[in-house]
Structures are given as structure tokens and as C-alpha cells.
C-alpha atoms as a PDB file:
ATOM      1  CA  MET A   1       0.000   0.001   0.000  1.00  0.00           C
ATOM      2  CA  ILE A   2       1.377   3.392  -1.009  1.00  0.00           C
ATOM      3  CA  GLU A   3       0.452   5.829   1.749  1.00  0.00           C
ATOM      4  CA  GLN A   4       0.300   9.592   2.166  1.00  0.00           C
ATOM      5  CA  PRO A   5      -0.783  11.651   5.188  1.00  0.00           C
ATOM      6  CA  ALA A   6      -3.710  14.053   4.803  1.00  0.00           C
ATOM      7  CA  ARG A   7      -5.778  16.404   6.978  1.00  0.00           C
ATOM      8  CA  VAL A   8      -9.567  16.478   7.202  1.00  0.00           C
ATOM      9  CA  LEU A   9     -10.961  19.898   6.318  1.00  0.00           C
ATOM     10  CA  GLN A  10     -14.666  19.178   6.508  1.00  0.00           C
ATOM     11  CA  VAL A  11     -17.134  16.329   6.988  1.00  0.00           C
ATOM     12  CA  LEU A  12     -19.804  16.559   4.290  1.00  0.00           C
ATOM     13  CA  PRO A  13     -23.204  15.138   5.267  1.00  0.00           C
ATOM     14  CA  ALA A  14     -24.852  12.362   3.328  1.00  0.00           C
ATOM     15  CA  THR A  15     -27.279  13.350   0.596  1.00  0.00           C
ATOM     16  CA  SER A  16     -29.806  11.368  -1.376  1.00  0.00           C
ATOM     17  CA  SER A  17     -27.211  10.745  -4.104  1.00  0.00           C
ATOM     18  CA  GLN A  18     -23.966  10.415  -2.110  1.00  0.00           C
ATOM     19  CA  PRO A  19     -22.881   8.906   1.217  1.00  0.00           C
ATOM     20  CA  GLU A  20     -21.160  10.895   3.946  1.00  0.00           C
ATOM     21  CA  ARG A  21     -17.822  12.202   2.630  1.00  0.00           C
ATOM     22  CA  LEU A  22     -14.628  13.820   3.830  1.00  0.00           C
ATOM     23  CA  ARG A  23     -13.107  16.884   2.232  1.00  0.00           C
ATOM     24  CA  ILE A  24      -9.377  16.493   2.782  1.00  0.00           C
ATOM     25  CA  GLU A  25      -6.168  18.303   1.968  1.00  0.00           C
ATOM     26  CA  VAL A  26      -2.999  16.503   0.929  1.00  0.00           C
ATOM     27  CA  ALA A  27       0.369  18.223   0.642  1.00  0.00           C
ATOM     28  CA  ARG A  28       1.478  17.781  -2.963  1.00  0.00           C
ATOM     29  CA  ARG A  29       5.187  17.077  -2.969  1.00  0.00           C
ATOM     30  CA  SER A  30       7.596  16.414  -5.756  1.00  0.00           C
ATOM     31  CA  ALA A  31       8.928  12.874  -5.842  1.00  0.00           C
ATOM     32  CA  CYS A  32      12.362  14.383  -6.280  1.00  0.00           C
ATOM     33  CA  GLY A  33      14.455  16.056  -3.636  1.00  0.00           C
ATOM     34  CA  GLY A  34      14.432  13.356  -1.011  1.00  0.00           C
ATOM     35  CA  CYS A  35      17.760  11.703  -1.791  1.00  0.00           C
ATOM     36  CA  ALA A  36      21.246  12.578  -0.613  1.00  0.00           C
ATOM     37  CA  HIS A  37      22.090  14.236  -3.941  1.00  0.00           C
ATOM     38  CA  ALA A  38      19.214  16.748  -3.887  1.00  0.00           C
ATOM     39  CA  SER A  39      21.485  19.733  -3.216  1.00  0.00           C
ATOM     40  CA  GLY A  40      23.403  19.174  -6.454  1.00  0.00           C
ATOM     41  CA  CYS A  41      20.553  17.937  -8.623  1.00  0.00           C
ATOM     42  CA  GLY A  42      18.987  20.106 -11.303  1.00  0.00           C
ATOM     43  CA  THR A  43      15.691  18.231 -11.189  1.00  0.00           C
ATOM     44  CA  ALA A  44      15.364  18.844  -7.442  1.00  0.00           C
ATOM     45  CA  ALA A  45      16.092  22.535  -8.027  1.00  0.00           C
ATOM     46  CA  LEU A  46      13.336  22.724 -10.648  1.00  0.00           C
ATOM     47  CA  ALA A  47      10.916  20.934  -8.329  1.00  0.00           C
ATOM     48  CA  GLY A  48      11.725  23.496  -5.635  1.00  0.00           C
ATOM     49  CA  LEU A  49      10.647  26.358  -7.902  1.00  0.00           C
ATOM     50  CA  PHE A  50       7.059  25.189  -7.898  1.00  0.00           C
ATOM     51  CA  GLY A  51       6.836  24.719  -4.136  1.00  0.00           C
ATOM     52  CA  GLU A  52       4.447  22.462  -2.308  1.00  0.00           C
ATOM     53  CA  ARG A  53       0.827  23.001  -3.228  1.00  0.00           C
ATOM     54  CA  ALA A  54      -2.110  21.411  -1.500  1.00  0.00           C
ATOM     55  CA  LEU A  55      -4.447  19.049  -3.299  1.00  0.00           C
ATOM     56  CA  ARG A  56      -8.053  18.979  -2.077  1.00  0.00           C
ATOM     57  CA  LEU A  57     -10.110  15.823  -2.516  1.00  0.00           C
ATOM     58  CA  GLU A  58     -13.459  14.412  -1.476  1.00  0.00           C
ATOM     59  CA  LEU A  59     -13.518  10.780  -0.351  1.00  0.00           C
ATOM     60  CA  PRO A  60     -16.179   8.513   1.138  1.00  0.00           C
ATOM     61  CA  MET A  61     -16.137   8.399   4.931  1.00  0.00           C
ATOM     62  CA  PRO A  62     -13.825   5.559   6.034  1.00  0.00           C
ATOM     63  CA  GLU A  63     -15.174   2.877   8.320  1.00  0.00           C
ATOM     64  CA  ALA A  64     -13.643   3.582  11.713  1.00  0.00           C
ATOM     65  CA  THR A  65     -14.586   3.116  15.346  1.00  0.00           C
ATOM     66  CA  LYS A  66     -14.544   6.889  15.778  1.00  0.00           C
ATOM     67  CA  PRO A  67     -15.136   8.875  12.563  1.00  0.00           C
ATOM     68  CA  PRO A  68     -12.625  11.624  11.831  1.00  0.00           C
ATOM     69  CA  GLY A  69     -13.548  15.260  12.231  1.00  0.00           C
ATOM     70  CA  PRO A  70     -12.185  18.546  10.909  1.00  0.00           C
ATOM     71  CA  GLY A  71      -8.499  18.943  11.727  1.00  0.00           C
ATOM     72  CA  ASP A  72      -7.877  15.221  12.186  1.00  0.00           C
ATOM     73  CA  ASP A  73      -4.966  13.558  10.433  1.00  0.00           C
ATOM     74  CA  ILE A  74      -5.751  10.549   8.274  1.00  0.00           C
ATOM     75  CA  GLN A  75      -3.676   8.209   6.164  1.00  0.00           C
ATOM     76  CA  LEU A  76      -4.570   7.753   2.479  1.00  0.00           C
ATOM     77  CA  GLY A  77      -3.581   4.586   0.716  1.00  0.00           C
ATOM     78  CA  ILE A  78      -3.658   3.219  -2.800  1.00  0.00           C
ATOM     79  CA  ALA A  79      -2.804  -0.325  -3.780  1.00  0.00           C
ATOM     80  CA  PRO A  80       0.273  -0.487  -6.061  1.00  0.00           C
ATOM     81  CA  GLN A  81      -1.672  -2.587  -8.594  1.00  0.00           C
ATOM     82  CA  ALA A  82      -4.383   0.087  -8.831  1.00  0.00           C
ATOM     83  CA  LEU A  83      -1.781   2.793  -9.385  1.00  0.00           C
ATOM     84  CA  LEU A  84       0.015   0.755 -12.048  1.00  0.00           C
ATOM     85  CA  GLY A  85      -3.261  -0.046 -13.806  1.00  0.00           C
ATOM     86  CA  ALA A  86      -4.315   3.602 -13.906  1.00  0.00           C
ATOM     87  CA  ALA A  87      -0.858   4.653 -15.121  1.00  0.00           C
ATOM     88  CA  ALA A  88      -0.961   2.024 -17.881  1.00  0.00           C
ATOM     89  CA  LEU A  89      -4.347   3.263 -19.057  1.00  0.00           C
ATOM     90  CA  ALA A  90      -3.290   6.909 -18.952  1.00  0.00           C
ATOM     91  CA  TYR A  91       0.203   6.587 -20.464  1.00  0.00           C
ATOM     92  CA  VAL A  92       0.928   3.207 -22.050  1.00  0.00           C
ATOM     93  CA  LEU A  93      -2.338   2.682 -23.936  1.00  0.00           C
ATOM     94  CA  PRO A  94      -2.152   6.005 -25.857  1.00  0.00           C
ATOM     95  CA  VAL A  95       1.483   5.416 -26.850  1.00  0.00           C
ATOM     96  CA  LEU A  96       0.752   1.867 -28.007  1.00  0.00           C
ATOM     97  CA  LEU A  97      -2.196   2.992 -30.127  1.00  0.00           C
ATOM     98  CA  MET A  98      -0.104   5.838 -31.539  1.00  0.00           C
ATOM     99  CA  LEU A  99       2.637   3.398 -32.563  1.00  0.00           C
ATOM    100  CA  LEU A 100       0.064   1.014 -34.044  1.00  0.00           C
ATOM    101  CA  GLY A 101      -1.454   3.875 -36.036  1.00  0.00           C
ATOM    102  CA  ALA A 102       1.958   4.980 -37.298  1.00  0.00           C
ATOM    103  CA  GLY A 103       2.876   1.424 -38.276  1.00  0.00           C
ATOM    104  CA  LEU A 104      -0.424   0.875 -40.047  1.00  0.00           C
ATOM    105  CA  GLY A 105      -0.080   4.178 -41.914  1.00  0.00           C
ATOM    106  CA  GLU A 106       3.467   3.345 -42.947  1.00  0.00           C
ATOM    107  CA  HIS A 107       2.367  -0.076 -44.165  1.00  0.00           C
ATOM    108  CA  LEU A 108      -0.573   1.292 -46.160  1.00  0.00           C
ATOM    109  CA  ALA A 109       0.795   4.465 -47.729  1.00  0.00           C
ATOM    110  CA  GLY A 110       4.209   5.391 -46.339  1.00  0.00           C
ATOM    111  CA  ASP A 111       4.912   8.676 -44.565  1.00  0.00           C
ATOM    112  CA  ALA A 112       1.866  10.416 -46.000  1.00  0.00           C
ATOM    113  CA  LEU A 113      -0.504   8.368 -43.854  1.00  0.00           C
ATOM    114  CA  SER A 114       1.678   7.418 -40.893  1.00  0.00           C
ATOM    115  CA  VAL A 115       1.572  10.814 -39.159  1.00  0.00           C
ATOM    116  CA  PRO A 116      -2.222  11.288 -39.363  1.00  0.00           C
ATOM    117  CA  LEU A 117      -2.878   7.717 -38.233  1.00  0.00           C
ATOM    118  CA  ALA A 118      -0.362   8.130 -35.385  1.00  0.00           C
ATOM    119  CA  ALA A 119      -2.230  11.250 -34.239  1.00  0.00           C
ATOM    120  CA  LEU A 120      -5.536   9.415 -34.566  1.00  0.00           C
ATOM    121  CA  GLY A 121      -4.175   6.476 -32.554  1.00  0.00           C
ATOM    122  CA  LEU A 122      -2.902   8.827 -29.848  1.00  0.00           C
ATOM    123  CA  GLY A 123      -6.264  10.571 -29.620  1.00  0.00           C
ATOM    124  CA  ALA A 124      -8.107   7.250 -29.551  1.00  0.00           C
ATOM    125  CA  GLY A 125      -5.772   5.961 -26.824  1.00  0.00           C
ATOM    126  CA  LEU A 126      -6.294   9.065 -24.684  1.00  0.00           C
ATOM    127  CA  ALA A 127     -10.074   8.868 -25.112  1.00  0.00           C
ATOM    128  CA  LEU A 128     -10.212   5.120 -24.460  1.00  0.00           C
ATOM    129  CA  GLY A 129      -7.910   5.392 -21.452  1.00  0.00           C
ATOM    130  CA  GLY A 130     -10.048   8.192 -20.004  1.00  0.00           C
ATOM    131  CA  LEU A 131     -13.229   6.172 -20.521  1.00  0.00           C
ATOM    132  CA  LEU A 132     -11.732   3.078 -18.906  1.00  0.00           C
ATOM    133  CA  ILE A 133     -10.465   5.079 -15.918  1.00  0.00           C
ATOM    134  CA  ARG A 134     -13.902   6.681 -15.467  1.00  0.00           C
ATOM    135  CA  ALA A 135     -15.552   3.261 -15.736  1.00  0.00           C
ATOM    136  CA  ARG A 136     -13.171   2.008 -13.027  1.00  0.00           C
ATOM    137  CA  LYS A 137     -14.216   4.894 -10.766  1.00  0.00           C
ATOM    138  CA  GLY A 138     -17.773   3.551 -10.801  1.00  0.00           C
ATOM    139  CA  ALA A 139     -16.545   0.226  -9.427  1.00  0.00           C
ATOM    140  CA  GLY A 140     -15.388   1.874  -6.192  1.00  0.00           C
ATOM    141  CA  PRO A 141     -12.710   4.244  -4.953  1.00  0.00           C
ATOM    142  CA  LEU A 142      -9.085   3.549  -5.801  1.00  0.00           C
ATOM    143  CA  ILE A 143      -7.965   5.495  -2.754  1.00  0.00           C
ATOM    144  CA  SER A 144      -8.834   4.294   0.728  1.00  0.00           C
ATOM    145  CA  ALA A 145      -8.612   6.377   3.877  1.00  0.00           C
ATOM    146  CA  SER A 146      -7.908   5.156   7.363  1.00  0.00           C
ATOM    147  CA  VAL A 147      -7.905   7.158  10.547  1.00  0.00           C
ATOM    148  CA  LEU A 148      -4.605   7.438  12.359  1.00  0.00           C
ATOM    149  CA  LEU A 149      -4.637   5.996  15.847  1.00  0.00           C
ATOM    150  CA  ALA A 150      -2.979   8.992  17.466  1.00  0.00           C
ATOM    151  CA  ARG A 151      -5.358  11.839  16.653  1.00  0.00           C
ATOM    152  CA  ALA A 152      -4.000  14.466  19.011  1.00  0.00           C
ATOM    153  CA  ASP A 153      -0.326  13.749  18.396  1.00  0.00           C
ATOM    154  CA  SER A 154       0.513  14.276  14.755  1.00  0.00           C
ATOM    155  CA  SER A 155       4.229  14.855  15.362  1.00  0.00           C
ATOM    156  CA  HIS A 156       5.044  11.491  13.754  1.00  0.00           C
ATOM    157  CA  ILE A 157       3.680  12.676  10.387  1.00  0.00           C
ATOM    158  CA  LYS A 158       6.222  14.312   8.115  1.00  0.00           C
ATOM    159  CA  ARG A 159       4.947  17.478   6.451  1.00  0.00           C
END
């Protein structure tokens, strides 16, 4: 499970169309800058220019013995397989369809048709990947939230 700390901003009441939800804030950090070479790395310097921005999300209320409230720290988690599957749909599928389109165009009519069919394959891959990701959302949330045991003491969470 890939985990990330978050803070509850608001508990949204249940409505006729949605269950009770949490509005949370997650510190958006660059994946770069955490290694020993960060001080001499150009990528870490570029990541530092953009700073840390917060990402706000709404998630279904997690099942817990004591539901979280505003200001509580929670732990978000996503299964590695779910992350890899979403990444494959968003990145790999469009590139594969683009390459298939370029190869088909080259086979049929040379360069004149390879570029348009590559662009068509890329567009089709992006659209299909987006549809498949949205269809997956209907099957249930990819991200799960669990309440941290130590509510009052959040000193163990790195910010």
C-alpha cells in the first residue's frame, strides 16, 4: 500500500445521491528532492521552484470506530496494482495505439498516412484510457482512507 498523510478539512453530510464524505487536503510534494544528492541535482532545483501546493479531494467516509472530524490527520492509501493499472491506461495505452497507427499508416501508404494515423491512434488511446479510468471509478474508490490511531499527536507525520 502506497500511503500519504492528509488532513480532514470538513465532513460533508450524506445526501440522497452520495454517502457521507470527507473533504481532505494533501500536501502535494515532488517525488524528487528526497535523496542525498538533492542539493546538487537540477531536477530537485526545478521541483523546488514550484513549491508544495495542496491538493483537495473528497472521499467517502472511512469505516472507523470513531469517525474523523475537521483537523484530524488521516492516512490515504492506494494499492500499487491500482496505481500501475491507472498509469498504464493513462500513459501506455495512448502510446501503443499511436505506434500502431503509425505502423499501419506506414504499411498502407508510407509517410503520408503514418503521421495522421499516429495522431488518430494517440487521440483514440487518450479517449479510451479516459473512458476506462472513469468506468473504473464507478466500481469503487481507488484510494482508501484510514484514521490514524494517534489523533491528538501528529508529530510522527512528516509534512
